[in-house]
Amino acid sequence: MKYTTERNNWYLSKFAAFERSLNGESNSPVHALRRDAIQRFDKLGFPTNRHEEWRFTNIQPILKADLKPVLHPHPATVARSVVERLSFGTRYRLVFINGYYAENLSSVEGLPKGVRCGSLAETQNQNHDAIRDHLARYARYDDSTFTALNTAFLRDGAFIYVPDNTLLEEPIHLLFLTADADHSLISPRNLVVIGANSQVSIVESYESLTDRPYLTNIVTEIVLGEGSILEHDKLQDEGLQAFHVSSTHVYQKGKTSFTSNSIALGGSIARSNVNAVLDGTGCECTLNGLSLSSGTQLIDNHTSIDHAQPNCQSHELYKAILEGKSRGVFNGKIFVRQDAQKTDAKQTNKTLLLSDEAVIDTKPQLEIFADDVKCTHGATVGQLEPEQVFYLRTRGIDETAARDILTFAFASDVVRRVHVEPLRNQLESLIHDRLDAGRKLPQQD
């Protein structure tokens, strides 16, 4: 408790210094939100293993890192060739360095009329209606320390606004790069508002250009208007010294379709929260996830789907592949409220253990308060079947290649659900490389 109090005081002092640097902005509505969030953060404190939501994830390494919030754009320079390599040829891209928009590396020309795509900080200064109506409305920080901390140090991030009846045929790529960051707290905030009957694909990716420890603490809020369709693909491939905590909050109106494909490969400790509220009839929500960990990595996935209205469907498939002494966590919750009759919900979690020392803690949950529903959930944990390995070896394939084929087949069930073809191709290459690197990684005591 004493140590947690010291960490609270550390961030409170950083907030006080941040506030002194704001001048006139300290009187803005957004800063009133920051003040409220830092007060709530102080009351909550950091979670420990005694908190049910963090029972299997020890964040002490994050607390001991003495992280300094990045409060201003960093002068780090990133070569355009690096951006091109990591953006797999997307036409529309927003690039962020240490959480701040890099206009010179971004590309938003040719967007359909009425689409806004750029810096949250700049849009905030222009008093866009969507900021006033939606910012911090869905990502509540009442009981979330990391969301409160993100809100307290909210400065910049991505803002995407798509008006009604708009089709974007190409995806928008949000590329978050960390460069020259040493023991830094990076707090991007994204707001995505999709108008009625519009269709969009968004790719969100995180990459390290440094081998120093830092924390990316990100919050993304997504609002879907009536009849809209969104595919949201997230790739987290940060360095093995990095920490990553993300919270994605989705609010769906009637007859909307939301698909999330979350791929986690990097980070020393990586926690991903995806929360969806289906607040209109005829909604469909699909959450897919894949994590690959090796060495001593810990990758934690928490999901929540709230069926608030009748005649909605949700489908969830999360898979994990664990090597070495790595650990995985999955906690998936499906809520069906009393009025949400005719709900159809299915949740599946599958884990493949490639070593005897890898550990998974899985907890699928259903909370149902309606009586006319069809809901299922399940979890499986296992290793590669010796019979399948033997079969491939009888076809002239050596054991290592046979194991890789079977492991990749396990992963591809999620990867093939990504409809953005350049991203899907890159994921396949990354997974092959990661499986190869995992075998060669030295084990630590």
Protein backbone atom coordinates (compact mmCIF):
# COMPACT_ATOMS: atom_id res chain seq x y z
CA MET A 1 0.00 0.00 0.00
CA LYS A 2 2.86 2.37 0.86
CA TYR A 3 4.50 1.76 -2.51
CA THR A 4 1.22 2.37 -4.34
CA THR A 5 0.81 5.68 -2.47
CA GLU A 6 4.29 6.71 -3.55
CA ARG A 7 3.39 5.99 -7.18
CA ASN A 8 0.20 8.03 -6.83
CA ASN A 9 2.19 10.96 -5.46
CA TRP A 10 4.68 10.63 -8.32
CA TYR A 11 1.94 11.12 -10.94
CA LEU A 12 0.16 13.80 -8.90
CA SER A 13 3.37 15.84 -8.88
CA LYS A 14 3.75 15.37 -12.63
CA PHE A 15 0.17 16.54 -13.14
CA ALA A 16 0.79 19.66 -11.06
CA ALA A 17 3.77 20.53 -13.26
CA PHE A 18 1.70 19.80 -16.37
CA GLU A 19 -1.08 22.08 -15.15
CA ARG A 20 1.34 24.95 -14.51
CA SER A 21 2.50 24.78 -18.13
CA LEU A 22 -0.96 25.15 -19.67
CA ASN A 23 -1.56 28.89 -19.24
CA GLY A 24 -4.95 29.76 -20.79
CA GLU A 25 -5.81 26.16 -21.58
CA SER A 26 -6.21 25.45 -17.87
CA ASN A 27 -9.68 27.05 -18.06
CA SER A 28 -10.90 24.82 -20.91
CA PRO A 29 -13.62 22.16 -20.54
CA VAL A 30 -11.08 19.47 -21.44
CA HIS A 31 -8.83 20.51 -18.60
CA ALA A 32 -11.77 20.36 -16.19
CA LEU A 33 -12.09 16.76 -17.36
CA ARG A 34 -8.38 16.21 -16.69
CA ARG A 35 -8.69 17.58 -13.16
CA ASP A 36 -11.61 15.31 -12.38
CA ALA A 37 -9.71 12.33 -13.78
CA ILE A 38 -6.56 12.94 -11.72
CA GLN A 39 -8.66 13.22 -8.57
CA ARG A 40 -10.35 9.93 -9.39
CA PHE A 41 -6.97 8.36 -10.15
CA ASP A 42 -5.73 9.41 -6.70
CA LYS A 43 -8.73 7.77 -5.02
CA LEU A 44 -8.48 4.56 -7.02
CA GLY A 45 -4.75 3.95 -6.78
CA PHE A 46 -3.08 1.27 -8.86
CA PRO A 47 -4.66 -2.19 -8.92
CA THR A 48 -3.00 -5.11 -7.18
CA ASN A 49 -3.53 -8.86 -7.44
CA ARG A 50 -6.27 -8.47 -4.84
CA HIS A 51 -8.43 -6.76 -7.46
CA GLU A 52 -10.45 -9.35 -9.36
CA GLU A 53 -9.83 -7.70 -12.74
CA TRP A 54 -6.05 -7.83 -12.16
CA ARG A 55 -5.78 -11.08 -10.24
CA PHE A 56 -3.44 -12.73 -12.74
CA THR A 57 -1.52 -9.66 -13.93
CA ASN A 58 1.18 -8.22 -11.69
CA ILE A 59 1.90 -4.61 -12.67
CA GLN A 60 4.71 -4.05 -10.17
CA PRO A 61 7.31 -3.81 -12.99
CA ILE A 62 5.27 -0.91 -14.44
CA LEU A 63 5.08 0.86 -11.09
CA LYS A 64 8.81 0.51 -10.45
CA ALA A 65 9.72 2.10 -13.77
CA ASP A 66 9.34 5.77 -12.61
CA LEU A 67 7.62 6.76 -15.83
CA LYS A 68 7.56 10.41 -16.88
CA PRO A 69 4.50 11.62 -18.83
CA VAL A 70 5.29 12.92 -22.33
CA LEU A 71 3.59 16.31 -22.19
CA HIS A 72 4.85 17.88 -25.41
CA PRO A 73 5.67 16.72 -28.94
CA HIS A 74 9.07 15.06 -29.05
CA PRO A 75 11.73 16.29 -31.47
CA ALA A 76 12.55 12.71 -32.46
CA THR A 77 12.97 12.31 -36.19
CA VAL A 78 11.67 9.24 -37.98
CA ALA A 79 12.65 8.51 -41.57
CA ARG A 80 9.83 8.35 -44.08
CA SER A 81 11.22 4.99 -45.24
CA VAL A 82 10.52 3.58 -41.76
CA VAL A 83 6.93 4.81 -41.93
CA GLU A 84 6.47 3.36 -45.40
CA ARG A 85 7.79 -0.01 -44.23
CA LEU A 86 5.41 -0.13 -41.27
CA SER A 87 2.31 1.22 -43.02
CA PHE A 88 2.13 -1.51 -45.71
CA GLY A 89 1.19 0.92 -48.45
CA THR A 90 -1.99 2.40 -46.97
CA ARG A 91 -3.24 5.50 -48.76
CA TYR A 92 -4.73 7.16 -45.68
CA ARG A 93 -2.53 7.18 -42.60
CA LEU A 94 -2.12 9.18 -39.42
CA VAL A 95 1.33 8.86 -37.86
CA PHE A 96 2.00 9.58 -34.20
CA ILE A 97 5.41 9.81 -32.54
CA ASN A 98 5.35 9.31 -28.78
CA GLY A 99 1.62 9.99 -28.83
CA TYR A 100 1.70 13.22 -30.88
CA TYR A 101 0.52 13.74 -34.44
CA ALA A 102 3.27 13.95 -37.05
CA GLU A 103 1.62 15.78 -39.95
CA ASN A 104 4.72 15.59 -42.16
CA LEU A 105 4.62 11.77 -42.08
CA SER A 106 0.86 11.44 -42.43
CA SER A 107 -1.29 11.22 -45.56
CA VAL A 108 -4.98 12.16 -45.67
CA GLU A 109 -5.40 13.59 -49.16
CA GLY A 110 -8.35 12.39 -51.21
CA LEU A 111 -10.70 11.52 -48.37
CA PRO A 112 -14.44 11.71 -49.21
CA LYS A 113 -16.20 14.99 -48.60
CA GLY A 114 -17.01 15.66 -44.95
CA VAL A 115 -14.57 13.10 -43.52
CA ARG A 116 -12.32 14.55 -40.79
CA CYS A 117 -9.15 12.66 -40.07
CA GLY A 118 -6.27 14.08 -38.05
CA SER A 119 -5.06 15.30 -34.68
CA LEU A 120 -7.39 15.17 -31.67
CA ALA A 121 -5.59 18.17 -30.14
CA GLU A 122 -6.11 20.29 -33.24
CA THR A 123 -9.76 19.27 -33.53
CA GLN A 124 -10.28 20.05 -29.87
CA ASN A 125 -8.97 23.58 -30.44
CA GLN A 126 -11.48 23.98 -33.28
CA ASN A 127 -14.39 23.05 -30.96
CA HIS A 128 -15.73 20.27 -33.20
CA ASP A 129 -19.19 19.11 -32.07
CA ALA A 130 -18.06 15.47 -31.85
CA ILE A 131 -15.50 16.37 -29.18
CA ARG A 132 -18.14 17.97 -27.02
CA ASP A 133 -20.69 15.20 -27.59
CA HIS A 134 -18.52 12.10 -27.29
CA LEU A 135 -15.10 12.59 -25.68
CA ALA A 136 -14.87 10.66 -22.38
CA ARG A 137 -18.53 9.68 -22.58
CA TYR A 138 -17.92 5.95 -23.10
CA ALA A 139 -14.49 5.35 -21.57
CA ARG A 140 -15.49 5.94 -17.98
CA TYR A 141 -12.70 6.31 -15.45
CA ASP A 142 -14.81 5.82 -12.33
CA ASP A 143 -13.31 2.39 -11.69
CA SER A 144 -10.35 2.24 -14.10
CA THR A 145 -7.01 3.55 -12.91
CA PHE A 146 -5.33 3.46 -16.30
CA THR A 147 -8.25 5.19 -18.05
CA ALA A 148 -8.20 7.89 -15.35
CA LEU A 149 -4.45 8.31 -15.85
CA ASN A 150 -4.86 8.57 -19.62
CA THR A 151 -7.61 11.17 -19.24
CA ALA A 152 -5.57 13.19 -16.76
CA PHE A 153 -2.70 13.53 -19.23
CA LEU A 154 -4.87 13.72 -22.35
CA ARG A 155 -3.10 15.79 -25.01
CA ASP A 156 -3.27 14.28 -28.49
CA GLY A 157 -4.26 11.25 -30.50
CA ALA A 158 -6.38 10.40 -33.53
CA PHE A 159 -9.70 12.01 -34.39
CA ILE A 160 -11.82 10.39 -37.11
CA TYR A 161 -15.26 11.66 -38.08
CA VAL A 162 -17.19 10.05 -40.94
CA PRO A 163 -20.52 11.67 -41.89
CA ASP A 164 -23.70 9.78 -42.74
CA ASN A 165 -23.96 7.66 -45.90
CA THR A 166 -20.22 7.52 -46.58
CA LEU A 167 -18.24 4.56 -47.91
CA LEU A 168 -14.47 4.50 -47.45
CA GLU A 169 -13.14 1.88 -49.82
CA GLU A 170 -9.62 1.99 -48.35
CA PRO A 171 -8.68 1.67 -44.68
CA ILE A 172 -7.45 4.47 -42.43
CA HIS A 173 -4.22 3.48 -40.71
CA LEU A 174 -3.29 4.89 -37.30
CA LEU A 175 0.44 4.24 -36.84
CA PHE A 176 1.81 4.86 -33.34
CA LEU A 177 5.61 4.92 -33.14
CA THR A 178 7.71 5.20 -30.01
CA ALA A 179 11.13 6.77 -30.59
CA ASP A 180 13.84 7.94 -28.17
CA ALA A 181 11.52 7.28 -25.24
CA ASP A 182 13.18 6.17 -22.01
CA HIS A 183 10.98 5.45 -18.96
CA SER A 184 8.19 7.49 -20.53
CA LEU A 185 4.42 7.43 -20.07
CA ILE A 186 2.78 7.87 -23.49
CA SER A 187 -0.96 8.60 -23.37
CA PRO A 188 -2.63 8.79 -26.80
CA ARG A 189 -6.39 9.30 -26.91
CA ASN A 190 -8.43 8.31 -29.97
CA LEU A 191 -11.99 9.29 -30.83
CA VAL A 192 -13.80 7.68 -33.77
CA VAL A 193 -17.34 8.74 -34.73
CA ILE A 194 -19.01 6.92 -37.64
CA GLY A 195 -22.21 8.38 -39.05
CA ALA A 196 -25.37 6.49 -39.96
CA ASN A 197 -25.22 4.01 -42.85
CA SER A 198 -21.48 4.50 -43.35
CA GLN A 199 -18.80 1.84 -43.79
CA VAL A 200 -15.16 2.15 -42.71
CA SER A 201 -12.07 0.04 -41.93
CA ILE A 202 -9.52 1.30 -39.40
CA VAL A 203 -6.14 -0.23 -38.64
CA GLU A 204 -4.43 0.71 -35.38
CA SER A 205 -0.79 -0.39 -34.96
CA TYR A 206 1.92 0.13 -32.34
CA GLU A 207 5.64 -0.21 -33.03
CA SER A 208 8.81 0.46 -31.04
CA LEU A 209 11.84 2.24 -32.49
CA THR A 210 13.62 2.01 -29.13
CA ASP A 211 14.69 -0.80 -26.83
CA ARG A 212 14.18 1.23 -23.66
CA PRO A 213 11.28 0.64 -21.22
CA TYR A 214 8.17 2.82 -21.51
CA LEU A 215 4.38 2.51 -21.13
CA THR A 216 1.85 3.10 -23.87
CA ASN A 217 -1.42 3.78 -22.03
CA ILE A 218 -4.03 4.29 -24.74
CA VAL A 219 -7.79 4.83 -24.75
CA THR A 220 -9.92 4.59 -27.90
CA GLU A 221 -13.61 5.54 -28.02
CA ILE A 222 -15.70 4.41 -31.00
CA VAL A 223 -19.29 5.49 -31.75
CA LEU A 224 -21.32 3.75 -34.47
CA GLY A 225 -24.37 5.53 -35.87
CA GLU A 226 -27.48 3.65 -37.02
CA GLY A 227 -26.79 1.08 -39.70
CA SER A 228 -23.02 1.70 -39.87
CA ILE A 229 -20.30 -0.93 -40.37
CA LEU A 230 -16.78 -0.82 -38.94
CA GLU A 231 -13.87 -3.24 -39.00
CA HIS A 232 -11.24 -2.27 -36.41
CA ASP A 233 -7.91 -4.11 -36.67
CA LYS A 234 -5.27 -3.62 -34.00
CA LEU A 235 -1.66 -4.82 -34.15
CA GLN A 236 0.50 -4.45 -31.02
CA ASP A 237 4.13 -5.29 -31.84
CA GLU A 238 6.09 -3.17 -29.39
CA GLY A 239 9.51 -4.04 -27.95
CA LEU A 240 10.09 -6.62 -25.26
CA GLN A 241 11.04 -3.89 -22.76
CA ALA A 242 7.81 -1.98 -23.37
CA PHE A 243 4.58 -2.03 -21.37
CA HIS A 244 1.23 -1.65 -23.11
CA VAL A 245 -2.22 -1.00 -21.63
CA SER A 246 -5.09 -0.27 -24.02
CA SER A 247 -8.81 0.25 -23.54
CA THR A 248 -11.18 0.29 -26.50
CA HIS A 249 -14.79 1.29 -25.81
CA VAL A 250 -17.41 0.78 -28.50
CA TYR A 251 -20.95 2.16 -28.47
CA GLN A 252 -23.30 0.67 -31.08
CA LYS A 253 -26.64 2.08 -32.13
CA GLY A 254 -29.28 0.03 -33.92
CA LYS A 255 -28.48 -2.30 -36.85
CA THR A 256 -24.74 -1.64 -36.63
CA SER A 257 -21.96 -4.14 -37.29
CA PHE A 258 -18.65 -3.95 -35.44
CA THR A 259 -15.73 -6.30 -35.94
CA SER A 260 -12.55 -6.18 -33.87
CA ASN A 261 -9.42 -8.15 -34.77
CA SER A 262 -6.81 -7.71 -32.04
CA ILE A 263 -3.31 -9.14 -32.57
CA ALA A 264 -0.80 -8.93 -29.69
CA LEU A 265 2.82 -9.93 -30.28
CA GLY A 266 5.00 -7.55 -28.28
CA GLY A 267 5.52 -6.04 -24.87
CA SER A 268 6.87 -7.27 -21.58
CA ILE A 269 3.44 -6.79 -20.00
CA ALA A 270 0.57 -6.13 -22.41
CA ARG A 271 -3.05 -5.65 -21.33
CA SER A 272 -5.87 -5.13 -23.83
CA ASN A 273 -9.43 -4.23 -22.80
CA VAL A 274 -12.22 -4.28 -25.40
CA ASN A 275 -15.67 -3.21 -24.20
CA ALA A 276 -18.74 -3.04 -26.44
CA VAL A 277 -22.25 -1.85 -25.63
CA LEU A 278 -25.00 -2.96 -28.05
CA ASP A 279 -27.55 -0.24 -27.39
CA GLY A 280 -29.91 -0.74 -30.33
CA THR A 281 -31.88 -3.60 -31.84
CA GLY A 282 -30.34 -5.67 -34.61
CA CYS A 283 -26.69 -5.03 -33.65
CA GLU A 284 -23.89 -7.45 -34.45
CA CYS A 285 -20.58 -7.48 -32.59
CA THR A 286 -17.61 -9.72 -33.42
CA LEU A 287 -14.47 -9.79 -31.28
CA ASN A 288 -11.49 -11.80 -32.53
CA GLY A 289 -8.10 -11.94 -30.86
CA LEU A 290 -4.74 -13.64 -31.22
CA SER A 291 -1.73 -13.35 -28.93
CA LEU A 292 1.72 -14.89 -29.32
CA SER A 293 4.10 -14.76 -26.38
CA SER A 294 7.49 -16.22 -25.58
CA GLY A 295 10.28 -15.81 -23.05
CA THR A 296 8.75 -14.20 -19.95
CA GLN A 297 6.10 -12.08 -21.69
CA LEU A 298 2.65 -11.62 -20.14
CA ILE A 299 -0.24 -10.86 -22.50
CA ASP A 300 -3.65 -10.22 -20.91
CA ASN A 301 -6.92 -9.88 -22.85
CA HIS A 302 -10.09 -8.67 -21.14
CA THR A 303 -13.32 -8.30 -23.11
CA SER A 304 -16.86 -7.26 -22.28
CA ILE A 305 -19.96 -7.34 -24.50
CA ASP A 306 -23.05 -5.70 -23.04
CA HIS A 307 -26.30 -6.76 -24.75
CA ALA A 308 -28.51 -3.85 -23.74
CA GLN A 309 -31.24 -4.26 -26.38
CA PRO A 310 -33.10 -7.23 -27.94
CA ASN A 311 -32.40 -9.10 -31.18
CA CYS A 312 -28.62 -8.65 -31.18
CA GLN A 313 -25.79 -11.07 -31.94
CA SER A 314 -22.23 -11.34 -30.68
CA HIS A 315 -19.45 -13.71 -31.66
CA GLU A 316 -16.12 -13.95 -29.90
CA LEU A 317 -13.01 -16.00 -30.67
CA TYR A 318 -9.76 -15.40 -28.80
CA LYS A 319 -6.70 -17.58 -29.29
CA ALA A 320 -3.29 -17.61 -27.63
CA ILE A 321 -0.01 -19.35 -28.43
CA LEU A 322 2.42 -19.46 -25.51
CA GLU A 323 6.08 -20.46 -25.58
CA GLY A 324 8.90 -20.48 -23.04
CA LYS A 325 7.90 -19.24 -19.59
CA SER A 326 5.34 -16.78 -20.91
CA ARG A 327 1.90 -16.24 -19.42
CA GLY A 328 -1.46 -15.48 -20.92
CA VAL A 329 -4.72 -14.22 -19.42
CA PHE A 330 -8.19 -14.21 -20.94
CA ASN A 331 -11.26 -12.87 -19.19
CA GLY A 332 -14.34 -12.55 -21.38
CA LYS A 333 -17.69 -11.30 -20.11
CA ILE A 334 -21.04 -11.33 -21.84
CA PHE A 335 -23.89 -9.44 -20.17
CA VAL A 336 -27.48 -9.94 -21.30
CA ARG A 337 -29.82 -7.42 -19.73
CA GLN A 338 -33.40 -8.18 -18.79
CA ASP A 339 -34.91 -6.50 -21.85
CA ALA A 340 -32.38 -8.03 -24.28
CA GLN A 341 -34.58 -10.90 -25.43
CA LYS A 342 -33.65 -12.92 -28.55
CA THR A 343 -29.94 -12.43 -27.84
CA ASP A 344 -27.59 -14.82 -29.64
CA ALA A 345 -24.10 -14.83 -28.14
CA LYS A 346 -21.17 -17.20 -28.50
CA GLN A 347 -17.76 -16.95 -26.84
CA THR A 348 -14.75 -19.22 -27.40
CA ASN A 349 -11.25 -19.11 -25.98
CA LYS A 350 -8.54 -21.53 -27.19
CA THR A 351 -4.94 -21.72 -26.01
CA LEU A 352 -1.99 -23.65 -27.44
CA LEU A 353 0.90 -24.27 -25.05
CA LEU A 354 4.21 -24.92 -26.79
CA SER A 355 6.20 -25.54 -23.61
CA ASP A 356 5.64 -27.14 -20.21
CA GLU A 357 6.40 -23.86 -18.41
CA ALA A 358 3.92 -21.63 -20.24
CA VAL A 359 0.76 -20.77 -18.25
CA ILE A 360 -2.70 -19.53 -19.20
CA ASP A 361 -5.43 -18.27 -16.86
CA THR A 362 -8.77 -18.24 -18.66
CA LYS A 363 -12.16 -17.18 -17.36
CA PRO A 364 -15.11 -16.98 -19.78
CA GLN A 365 -18.22 -15.53 -18.14
CA LEU A 366 -21.94 -15.19 -18.88
CA GLU A 367 -24.36 -13.03 -16.90
CA ILE A 368 -27.88 -13.49 -18.28
CA PHE A 369 -30.97 -11.69 -16.99
CA ALA A 370 -33.29 -12.48 -19.94
CA ASP A 371 -35.05 -15.81 -20.52
CA ASP A 372 -35.37 -16.03 -24.32
CA VAL A 373 -31.71 -16.19 -25.37
CA LYS A 374 -29.16 -18.48 -26.97
CA CYS A 375 -25.78 -18.10 -25.29
CA THR A 376 -22.74 -20.38 -25.14
CA HIS A 377 -19.18 -20.09 -23.95
CA GLY A 378 -16.19 -22.37 -23.58
CA ALA A 379 -12.43 -22.57 -23.17
CA THR A 380 -9.85 -25.17 -24.20
CA VAL A 381 -6.16 -25.46 -23.33
CA GLY A 382 -3.84 -27.99 -24.94
CA GLN A 383 -0.63 -28.82 -26.75
CA LEU A 384 0.06 -29.97 -30.29
CA GLU A 385 -1.33 -33.43 -30.95
CA PRO A 386 1.53 -35.96 -31.35
CA GLU A 387 -0.54 -37.85 -33.92
CA GLN A 388 -0.78 -34.76 -36.13
CA VAL A 389 2.97 -34.13 -35.88
CA PHE A 390 3.64 -37.78 -36.70
CA TYR A 391 1.33 -37.65 -39.72
CA LEU A 392 3.24 -34.72 -41.21
CA ARG A 393 6.57 -36.39 -40.50
CA THR A 394 5.45 -39.47 -42.44
CA ARG A 395 5.03 -37.09 -45.39
CA GLY A 396 8.74 -36.19 -45.30
CA ILE A 397 8.41 -33.03 -43.14
CA ASP A 398 10.90 -32.67 -40.26
CA GLU A 399 9.57 -32.23 -36.73
CA THR A 400 10.32 -28.51 -36.43
CA ALA A 401 8.55 -27.71 -39.70
CA ALA A 402 5.63 -29.96 -38.76
CA ARG A 403 5.14 -28.16 -35.46
CA ASP A 404 5.31 -24.79 -37.23
CA ILE A 405 2.71 -25.83 -39.79
CA LEU A 406 0.29 -26.93 -37.08
CA THR A 407 0.93 -23.85 -34.94
CA PHE A 408 0.41 -21.49 -37.87
CA ALA A 409 -2.81 -23.30 -38.79
CA PHE A 410 -4.03 -22.67 -35.24
CA ALA A 411 -3.23 -18.95 -35.56
CA SER A 412 -4.56 -18.53 -39.10
CA ASP A 413 -8.13 -19.09 -37.94
CA VAL A 414 -8.00 -15.55 -36.53
CA VAL A 415 -5.64 -13.96 -39.08
CA ARG A 416 -7.85 -14.88 -42.05
CA ARG A 417 -10.68 -12.88 -40.49
CA VAL A 418 -8.72 -9.67 -41.17
CA HIS A 419 -10.16 -8.30 -44.41
CA VAL A 420 -7.48 -5.65 -45.03
CA GLU A 421 -5.31 -7.74 -47.35
CA PRO A 422 -1.95 -5.92 -46.92
CA LEU A 423 -2.30 -6.17 -43.15
CA ARG A 424 -3.28 -9.82 -43.34
CA ASN A 425 -0.20 -10.59 -45.43
CA GLN A 426 2.02 -8.74 -42.99
CA LEU A 427 0.49 -10.60 -40.05
CA GLU A 428 1.23 -13.94 -41.67
CA SER A 429 4.86 -12.95 -42.15
CA LEU A 430 5.16 -11.61 -38.60
CA ILE A 431 3.70 -14.77 -37.09
CA HIS A 432 6.13 -16.98 -39.04
CA ASP A 433 9.03 -14.79 -37.86
CA ARG A 434 7.80 -14.72 -34.28
CA LEU A 435 7.43 -18.49 -34.07
CA ASP A 436 10.96 -18.88 -35.38
CA ALA A 437 12.33 -16.27 -32.95
CA GLY A 438 10.46 -17.83 -30.02
CA ARG A 439 12.32 -21.10 -30.45
CA LYS A 440 15.66 -19.30 -30.43
CA LEU A 441 14.95 -16.96 -27.50
CA PRO A 442 17.06 -17.86 -24.42
CA GLN A 443 14.98 -18.82 -21.40
CA GLN A 444 15.31 -16.72 -18.26
CA ASP A 445 15.05 -17.87 -14.70
